[in-house]
Amino acid sequence: MEKKKVLIVGGGFGGLFTALDLARDTEVTLISDTDHFCFRPLLYEYLSGEVEAWHIAPDYKELFGDEINFVRDAVETIDFEKREVKVSSRNETLDYDALVLAVGGVTNFWNIKGAEEFALPFRTIADADKLRGQMVKALDKISPTLAPQEAREKLTFAVVGGGASGVELATKMSDLLTDAFQRRGLKGEPHVLLLEMSDRIVPGMGEDIREYVNKVLLEKHIDVNLQTKVLEVKPHGIVYEYNGEQTEIETVTTVWTAGVKVNSLIEKLDLPKDKNDLLLVEPTLQVKDFENVFALGDIAKVQEVAPVLVGTAQLAFQESDLLANNIRAFLSGKNLKAKQFEEMGEAVSLGTSDGAVLVGGNVLGGVLARDARFALYTSRLPTWHHRLKVGASWFFGGTTPKPLQPLGIS
């Protein structure tokens, strides 16, 4: 019998793992506007050189082989009645029996003045490359004769958003810059500024792990500012407010990790949504009133999901398993199921030689936690052959950070 057609729009965690699961018994086509997957939980380690691009951003064609049709393109329109998708570079449409919307979110700059124009998001390999380049260029301008206070002022970086992403990024940056100061014989220390609107750091995590994170931030001399609102981002500066008082500070760059919003494609689609433009989905992950359209990840509003899971890769990872099974059930006329999504554990990177993981209700920190986090994420890479290659690379080659060398020195 001819295989049913499943069309997946978006190749993040949810889209990719759903595609891999369904490939054996349906004709799967995945559409993405990039040619590679990005394992974002380890993007901070890519910035620091602890992992390489191919470890965390394998090409889709390498992962899929001949089992899945891959289309690198942008979706223009979707006709839900005809079950057809139009992409930018093709005259003919792509048809489907079941459609999966998994485009993920995009950086939310919250309409703050200058943020979208001047702040650097941190979601892709290109973002990490750009940030590392800016760090190196800024260091190259600092003379060893410069006074400590001047060196600190000229090496100020702001990270907006004190969730896990902001903390992981700030600690990596701090360790890299501090190491560079020592290697280059510079006086003083860099200045990494972490700005968070709420009254606590990593607000989505438990108190035990937050206590350890706060200790590490203090040890690394990261300048943490809570209950702080960003008012404006400038080309080389940031304006923020705390307790009614405004402060403007010069920065090398401002990196933005303060949340995501719905992809513009989802905004255009005439589908049921909530006030934040999230797609309303049933517990089966079917879009409300559209039985052959499914959605998951950052764009889907799933009822009764714990707040700690919302917007995380581990939620999309769990949803993909349910989704693949429900699509099989839908295509074969069987009953679809729901699932209770659970928190799979907390793990956070805290620089180049530290981390924190929650194991059995207890927090493990330090180098062991860093290594445990690597082991955990190795097991969640997309395919067994990619896991094997990456695991072997880390075992034999190690995961030592790469210093911020002066330009022209490899």
Protein backbone atom coordinates (compact mmCIF):
# COMPACT_ATOMS: atom_id res chain seq x y z
CA MET A 1 0.00 0.00 0.00
CA GLU A 2 1.08 3.56 -0.69
CA LYS A 3 2.39 5.24 2.44
CA LYS A 4 0.45 8.16 3.90
CA LYS A 5 2.11 11.57 3.58
CA VAL A 6 3.18 13.50 6.67
CA LEU A 7 4.44 17.04 6.12
CA ILE A 8 6.44 18.64 8.94
CA VAL A 9 7.11 22.38 8.96
CA GLY A 10 10.10 23.16 11.18
CA GLY A 11 13.16 21.15 12.15
CA GLY A 12 13.76 21.91 15.79
CA PHE A 13 13.50 19.30 18.54
CA GLY A 14 9.81 18.64 18.01
CA GLY A 15 9.85 18.51 14.22
CA LEU A 16 13.08 16.54 13.90
CA PHE A 17 12.29 13.83 16.44
CA THR A 18 8.76 13.44 15.10
CA ALA A 19 10.16 13.00 11.58
CA LEU A 20 12.71 10.40 12.68
CA ASP A 21 10.05 8.45 14.59
CA LEU A 22 7.59 8.40 11.67
CA ALA A 23 10.08 7.68 8.88
CA ARG A 24 9.73 3.91 9.02
CA ASP A 25 6.01 3.73 8.27
CA THR A 26 4.98 6.99 6.53
CA GLU A 27 6.28 9.19 3.74
CA VAL A 28 7.77 12.09 5.68
CA THR A 29 8.77 15.47 4.25
CA LEU A 30 10.40 18.04 6.52
CA ILE A 31 10.59 21.71 5.54
CA SER A 32 13.12 24.01 7.20
CA ASP A 33 14.60 27.38 6.26
CA THR A 34 18.03 26.19 7.42
CA ASP A 35 20.05 23.19 6.26
CA HIS A 36 20.98 21.97 9.73
CA PHE A 37 19.52 21.10 13.11
CA CYS A 38 20.75 23.02 16.15
CA PHE A 39 20.95 21.33 19.55
CA ARG A 40 20.49 24.59 21.47
CA PRO A 41 21.16 23.27 25.00
CA LEU A 42 24.83 22.95 23.97
CA LEU A 43 25.10 26.21 22.02
CA TYR A 44 26.86 27.75 25.04
CA GLU A 45 29.50 25.03 24.82
CA TYR A 46 29.94 25.81 21.14
CA LEU A 47 30.60 29.44 22.06
CA SER A 48 33.33 28.35 24.45
CA GLY A 49 34.83 25.83 22.04
CA GLU A 50 34.02 22.83 24.24
CA VAL A 51 32.09 21.32 21.33
CA GLU A 52 32.34 21.76 17.56
CA ALA A 53 29.65 22.83 15.12
CA TRP A 54 29.17 19.34 13.66
CA HIS A 55 28.57 17.96 17.17
CA ILE A 56 25.47 20.06 17.78
CA ALA A 57 24.45 21.25 14.30
CA PRO A 58 24.47 18.27 11.93
CA ASP A 59 23.04 18.70 8.44
CA TYR A 60 19.52 17.35 8.01
CA LYS A 61 20.57 15.35 4.97
CA GLU A 62 23.25 13.63 7.06
CA LEU A 63 20.67 12.73 9.70
CA PHE A 64 17.94 11.69 7.25
CA GLY A 65 19.74 9.83 4.50
CA ASP A 66 17.12 8.55 2.07
CA GLU A 67 14.47 7.92 4.71
CA ILE A 68 13.03 11.44 4.87
CA ASN A 69 12.45 14.04 2.17
CA PHE A 70 14.12 17.31 3.10
CA VAL A 71 13.09 20.66 1.63
CA ARG A 72 15.14 23.70 2.50
CA ASP A 73 12.72 26.55 1.95
CA ALA A 74 10.31 28.96 3.62
CA VAL A 75 6.59 28.26 3.77
CA GLU A 76 4.48 30.95 2.10
CA THR A 77 0.92 29.68 2.49
CA ILE A 78 -1.01 26.67 3.77
CA ASP A 79 -4.39 25.66 2.35
CA PHE A 80 -5.99 23.55 5.06
CA GLU A 81 -9.00 22.57 2.94
CA LYS A 82 -6.92 21.32 0.01
CA ARG A 83 -4.22 20.01 2.35
CA GLU A 84 -1.47 21.80 0.43
CA VAL A 85 1.59 23.82 1.39
CA LYS A 86 3.22 26.41 -0.87
CA VAL A 87 6.93 27.14 -0.41
CA SER A 88 8.89 30.08 -1.78
CA SER A 89 11.03 28.49 -4.49
CA ARG A 90 8.61 25.96 -6.03
CA ASN A 91 5.65 26.44 -8.34
CA GLU A 92 4.06 23.16 -7.31
CA THR A 93 2.56 22.67 -3.86
CA LEU A 94 3.33 19.93 -1.34
CA ASP A 95 0.34 17.87 -0.29
CA TYR A 96 -0.21 15.95 2.94
CA ASP A 97 -2.46 13.60 4.84
CA ALA A 98 -1.26 14.94 8.19
CA LEU A 99 0.48 18.27 8.84
CA VAL A 100 2.81 19.05 11.75
CA LEU A 101 3.55 22.65 12.69
CA ALA A 102 6.84 22.75 14.58
CA VAL A 103 8.49 26.00 13.53
CA GLY A 104 9.44 26.99 17.06
CA GLY A 105 9.63 30.49 18.45
CA VAL A 106 11.77 33.49 17.62
CA THR A 107 13.52 35.96 19.90
CA ASN A 108 11.11 38.29 21.67
CA PHE A 109 12.51 41.80 22.05
CA TRP A 110 9.30 42.99 23.75
CA ASN A 111 9.19 46.17 21.62
CA ILE A 112 11.98 47.69 23.70
CA LYS A 113 13.59 50.61 21.94
CA GLY A 114 16.68 49.58 19.95
CA ALA A 115 16.61 45.96 21.14
CA GLU A 116 15.77 44.27 17.84
CA GLU A 117 18.16 46.55 15.97
CA PHE A 118 21.19 46.46 18.27
CA ALA A 119 20.92 43.48 20.65
CA LEU A 120 22.35 40.14 19.59
CA PRO A 121 20.06 37.12 19.94
CA PHE A 122 21.59 33.79 20.95
CA ARG A 123 19.76 30.99 19.15
CA THR A 124 21.98 29.88 16.26
CA ILE A 125 25.52 28.87 15.38
CA ALA A 126 25.86 32.20 13.54
CA ASP A 127 24.84 34.09 16.70
CA ALA A 128 27.52 32.29 18.71
CA ASP A 129 30.16 32.93 16.04
CA LYS A 130 29.30 36.62 15.98
CA LEU A 131 29.44 36.95 19.76
CA ARG A 132 32.78 35.15 20.01
CA GLY A 133 34.17 37.40 17.28
CA GLN A 134 33.02 40.51 19.14
CA MET A 135 34.67 39.27 22.33
CA VAL A 136 37.98 38.71 20.53
CA LYS A 137 37.89 42.10 18.80
CA ALA A 138 37.17 43.87 22.08
CA LEU A 139 40.04 42.07 23.82
CA ASP A 140 42.44 42.94 21.00
CA LYS A 141 41.84 46.64 21.70
CA ILE A 142 42.91 46.38 25.36
CA SER A 143 46.53 47.19 26.15
CA PRO A 144 48.32 45.42 29.03
CA THR A 145 49.23 48.90 30.32
CA LEU A 146 45.59 49.93 30.69
CA ALA A 147 44.45 50.49 34.29
CA PRO A 148 42.15 47.79 35.74
CA GLN A 149 39.13 50.09 35.96
CA GLU A 150 39.50 51.20 32.33
CA ALA A 151 39.92 47.61 31.14
CA ARG A 152 36.75 46.64 32.99
CA GLU A 153 34.80 49.51 31.42
CA LYS A 154 35.97 48.63 27.91
CA LEU A 155 35.19 44.92 28.43
CA THR A 156 31.58 45.30 29.60
CA PHE A 157 29.03 42.88 28.14
CA ALA A 158 25.34 42.90 29.02
CA VAL A 159 23.18 39.76 29.01
CA VAL A 160 19.43 40.46 29.19
CA GLY A 161 17.38 37.67 30.76
CA GLY A 162 18.30 35.81 33.93
CA GLY A 163 16.71 32.48 33.12
CA ALA A 164 18.77 29.35 32.48
CA SER A 165 19.82 30.63 29.03
CA GLY A 166 21.08 33.94 30.37
CA VAL A 167 22.92 32.32 33.26
CA GLU A 168 24.59 29.71 31.06
CA LEU A 169 25.64 32.36 28.58
CA ALA A 170 26.89 34.84 31.19
CA THR A 171 29.01 32.24 32.99
CA LYS A 172 30.57 30.99 29.74
CA MET A 173 31.40 34.54 28.69
CA SER A 174 32.85 35.36 32.09
CA ASP A 175 35.14 32.32 32.13
CA LEU A 176 36.33 32.91 28.55
CA LEU A 177 37.03 36.60 29.15
CA THR A 178 38.71 36.01 32.51
CA ASP A 179 40.95 33.37 30.96
CA ALA A 180 41.82 35.80 28.15
CA PHE A 181 42.78 38.50 30.67
CA GLN A 182 45.24 36.09 32.28
CA ARG A 183 46.69 34.80 29.01
CA ARG A 184 47.13 38.30 27.59
CA GLY A 185 48.53 39.82 30.79
CA LEU A 186 45.72 42.33 31.11
CA LYS A 187 45.03 44.10 34.41
CA GLY A 188 41.79 43.74 36.30
CA GLU A 189 38.85 41.67 35.10
CA PRO A 190 36.03 41.79 32.55
CA HIS A 191 32.57 43.04 33.42
CA VAL A 192 29.62 40.76 32.61
CA LEU A 193 26.28 42.34 33.48
CA LEU A 194 23.21 40.08 33.90
CA LEU A 195 19.82 41.82 33.91
CA GLU A 196 16.60 40.11 35.07
CA MET A 197 13.14 41.64 35.50
CA SER A 198 11.92 39.25 38.20
CA ASP A 199 13.09 39.07 41.80
CA ARG A 200 15.14 35.88 41.34
CA ILE A 201 17.62 34.29 39.01
CA VAL A 202 16.59 31.17 37.00
CA PRO A 203 12.96 31.73 38.06
CA GLY A 204 11.80 28.47 36.49
CA MET A 205 14.11 26.29 38.58
CA GLY A 206 13.89 24.97 42.14
CA GLU A 207 15.29 26.75 45.16
CA ASP A 208 18.10 24.25 45.79
CA ILE A 209 19.62 24.58 42.34
CA ARG A 210 19.04 28.35 42.37
CA GLU A 211 21.07 28.62 45.56
CA TYR A 212 24.01 26.89 43.88
CA VAL A 213 23.66 29.05 40.77
CA ASN A 214 23.70 32.23 42.86
CA LYS A 215 26.87 31.07 44.61
CA VAL A 216 28.64 30.48 41.30
CA LEU A 217 27.53 33.83 39.89
CA LEU A 218 28.98 35.52 42.97
CA GLU A 219 32.26 33.61 42.70
CA LYS A 220 32.62 34.59 39.04
CA HIS A 221 32.00 38.27 39.84
CA ILE A 222 29.06 38.45 37.47
CA ASP A 223 27.12 41.66 38.07
CA VAL A 224 23.57 40.41 38.70
CA ASN A 225 20.76 42.98 38.62
CA LEU A 226 17.30 41.73 39.65
CA GLN A 227 13.97 43.58 39.33
CA THR A 228 15.64 45.55 36.56
CA LYS A 229 13.85 46.75 33.43
CA VAL A 230 15.68 47.42 30.18
CA LEU A 231 14.49 50.69 28.65
CA GLU A 232 16.70 50.97 25.58
CA VAL A 233 19.50 49.19 23.76
CA LYS A 234 22.04 51.31 21.89
CA PRO A 235 24.77 50.27 19.42
CA HIS A 236 27.28 50.16 22.27
CA GLY A 237 25.26 50.71 25.39
CA ILE A 238 22.17 49.89 27.40
CA VAL A 239 19.74 51.94 29.51
CA TYR A 240 17.95 50.21 32.38
CA GLU A 241 15.86 51.07 35.39
CA TYR A 242 15.96 49.79 38.95
CA ASN A 243 13.78 51.09 41.76
CA GLY A 244 12.77 54.12 39.69
CA GLU A 245 16.35 55.14 38.91
CA GLN A 246 17.71 54.98 35.35
CA THR A 247 21.27 53.98 34.51
CA GLU A 248 23.07 54.07 31.17
CA ILE A 249 26.21 52.01 30.69
CA GLU A 250 28.53 51.49 27.73
CA THR A 251 28.86 47.92 26.48
CA VAL A 252 30.77 46.02 23.85
CA THR A 253 27.49 44.33 23.02
CA THR A 254 24.15 43.40 24.54
CA VAL A 255 23.05 39.77 24.19
CA TRP A 256 19.33 39.06 24.40
CA THR A 257 18.01 35.89 26.07
CA ALA A 258 14.79 37.36 27.46
CA GLY A 259 12.18 35.06 25.99
CA VAL A 260 10.65 33.99 22.69
CA LYS A 261 7.49 34.76 20.75
CA VAL A 262 5.48 32.98 18.08
CA ASN A 263 7.00 32.60 14.63
CA SER A 264 5.59 35.02 12.02
CA LEU A 265 4.28 32.09 9.96
CA ILE A 266 1.97 31.07 12.81
CA GLU A 267 0.73 34.64 13.17
CA LYS A 268 -0.45 34.55 9.54
CA LEU A 269 -2.33 31.26 9.74
CA ASP A 270 -6.08 31.27 10.30
CA LEU A 271 -6.06 28.79 13.18
CA PRO A 272 -7.42 28.97 16.76
CA LYS A 273 -4.98 30.85 19.03
CA ASP A 274 -4.77 32.33 22.49
CA LYS A 275 -4.07 36.00 23.29
CA ASN A 276 -0.33 35.39 22.79
CA ASP A 277 -0.88 33.87 19.33
CA LEU A 278 -0.07 30.36 20.57
CA LEU A 279 -1.97 27.64 18.72
CA LEU A 280 -4.71 26.05 20.78
CA VAL A 281 -4.18 22.30 20.74
CA GLU A 282 -6.04 19.36 22.20
CA PRO A 283 -4.31 16.97 24.65
CA THR A 284 -3.67 14.80 21.56
CA LEU A 285 -1.65 17.73 20.07
CA GLN A 286 -4.24 18.21 17.32
CA VAL A 287 -4.93 21.86 16.57
CA LYS A 288 -8.41 22.70 17.84
CA ASP A 289 -11.04 22.08 15.11
CA PHE A 290 -8.42 20.73 12.65
CA GLU A 291 -8.12 16.98 13.17
CA ASN A 292 -5.29 16.42 10.64
CA VAL A 293 -3.16 19.39 11.78
CA PHE A 294 -0.85 18.90 14.76
CA ALA A 295 1.39 21.35 16.62
CA LEU A 296 4.02 21.16 19.33
CA GLY A 297 6.84 23.08 20.96
CA ASP A 298 7.06 26.84 21.47
CA ILE A 299 4.08 27.62 19.23
CA ALA A 300 1.54 25.30 20.90
CA LYS A 301 -0.60 26.01 23.95
CA VAL A 302 -0.97 22.68 25.75
CA GLN A 303 -3.22 22.74 28.79
CA GLU A 304 -1.97 21.44 32.16
CA VAL A 305 1.73 21.63 31.28
CA ALA A 306 3.86 22.60 34.27
CA PRO A 307 5.25 26.16 33.92
CA VAL A 308 8.80 24.84 34.39
CA LEU A 309 8.42 22.88 31.12
CA VAL A 310 6.95 25.63 28.94
CA GLY A 311 9.31 26.63 26.13
CA THR A 312 11.91 23.97 26.90
CA ALA A 313 13.56 21.45 24.60
CA GLN A 314 12.60 18.63 26.94
CA LEU A 315 8.90 19.39 26.48
CA ALA A 316 9.24 19.29 22.67
CA PHE A 317 11.25 16.07 23.06
CA GLN A 318 8.42 14.43 25.03
CA GLU A 319 5.71 15.85 22.78
CA SER A 320 7.36 14.39 19.68
CA ASP A 321 6.97 10.86 21.01
CA LEU A 322 3.26 11.36 21.71
CA LEU A 323 2.78 13.13 18.39
CA ALA A 324 4.35 10.39 16.27
CA ASN A 325 2.15 7.76 17.91
CA ASN A 326 -0.97 9.89 17.50
CA ILE A 327 -0.28 10.55 13.82
CA ARG A 328 0.01 6.81 13.24
CA ALA A 329 -3.27 6.34 15.08
CA PHE A 330 -4.96 9.11 13.11
CA LEU A 331 -3.79 7.77 9.74
CA SER A 332 -4.98 4.25 10.59
CA GLY A 333 -8.32 5.31 12.08
CA LYS A 334 -7.47 4.41 15.66
CA ASN A 335 -8.05 6.35 18.89
CA LEU A 336 -5.55 9.06 19.76
CA LYS A 337 -4.12 9.42 23.25
CA ALA A 338 -3.02 12.12 25.68
CA LYS A 339 0.04 12.14 27.93
CA GLN A 340 1.16 13.74 31.15
CA PHE A 341 4.43 15.56 30.47
CA GLU A 342 6.92 15.42 33.31
CA GLU A 343 9.98 17.39 34.34
CA MET A 344 12.94 15.20 33.32
CA GLY A 345 15.44 16.82 35.65
CA GLU A 346 17.30 20.09 35.83
CA ALA A 347 20.78 20.64 34.43
CA VAL A 348 22.57 23.92 33.89
CA SER A 349 26.03 24.79 32.61
CA LEU A 350 27.91 27.30 34.78
CA GLY A 351 31.04 28.23 32.88
CA THR A 352 33.75 26.09 31.37
CA SER A 353 34.46 23.90 34.40
CA ASP A 354 31.28 23.95 36.46
CA GLY A 355 27.65 23.00 36.28
CA ALA A 356 24.68 21.97 38.39
CA VAL A 357 22.30 19.04 38.01
CA LEU A 358 19.40 17.93 40.16
CA VAL A 359 19.68 14.20 40.88
CA GLY A 360 17.22 12.43 43.16
CA GLY A 361 16.24 15.71 44.78
CA ASN A 362 19.86 16.64 45.49
CA VAL A 363 22.01 19.20 43.68
CA LEU A 364 25.32 18.01 42.27
CA GLY A 365 27.72 20.80 41.33
CA GLY A 366 31.21 21.29 39.94
CA VAL A 367 33.15 19.37 37.31
CA LEU A 368 31.18 16.15 37.90
CA ALA A 369 27.95 18.01 37.18
CA ARG A 370 29.46 19.46 34.00
CA ASP A 371 30.44 15.96 32.83
CA ALA A 372 27.05 14.53 33.81
CA ARG A 373 25.35 17.21 31.73
CA PHE A 374 27.49 16.27 28.72
CA ALA A 375 26.56 12.61 29.18
CA LEU A 376 22.86 13.49 29.49
CA TYR A 377 22.85 15.53 26.31
CA THR A 378 24.84 12.95 24.38
CA SER A 379 21.96 10.56 24.95
CA ARG A 380 19.49 13.10 23.51
CA LEU A 381 21.28 13.82 20.24
CA PRO A 382 19.07 12.99 17.24
CA THR A 383 20.26 9.60 15.90
CA TRP A 384 22.23 6.69 17.30
CA HIS A 385 25.00 7.05 14.71
CA HIS A 386 25.37 10.77 15.44
CA ARG A 387 25.42 10.06 19.19
CA LEU A 388 28.13 7.47 18.59
CA LYS A 389 30.29 9.84 16.54
CA VAL A 390 29.92 12.71 18.99
CA GLY A 391 30.44 10.50 22.04
CA ALA A 392 33.63 9.09 20.52
CA SER A 393 34.85 12.59 19.69
CA TRP A 394 34.28 13.78 23.26
CA PHE A 395 35.80 10.61 24.77
CA PHE A 396 38.98 10.63 22.68
CA GLY A 397 39.33 14.34 21.96
CA GLY A 398 37.92 15.82 25.13
CA THR A 399 35.79 18.91 25.63
CA THR A 400 38.48 21.45 26.52
CA PRO A 401 37.48 25.10 25.94
CA LYS A 402 39.24 27.10 23.20
CA PRO A 403 40.83 30.34 24.43
CA LEU A 404 39.87 33.70 22.92
CA GLN A 405 43.03 34.04 20.86
CA PRO A 406 43.96 37.33 19.17
CA LEU A 407 42.71 37.64 15.59
CA GLY A 408 44.99 35.83 13.18
CA ILE A 409 46.10 33.25 15.77
CA SER A 410 44.37 29.87 15.65
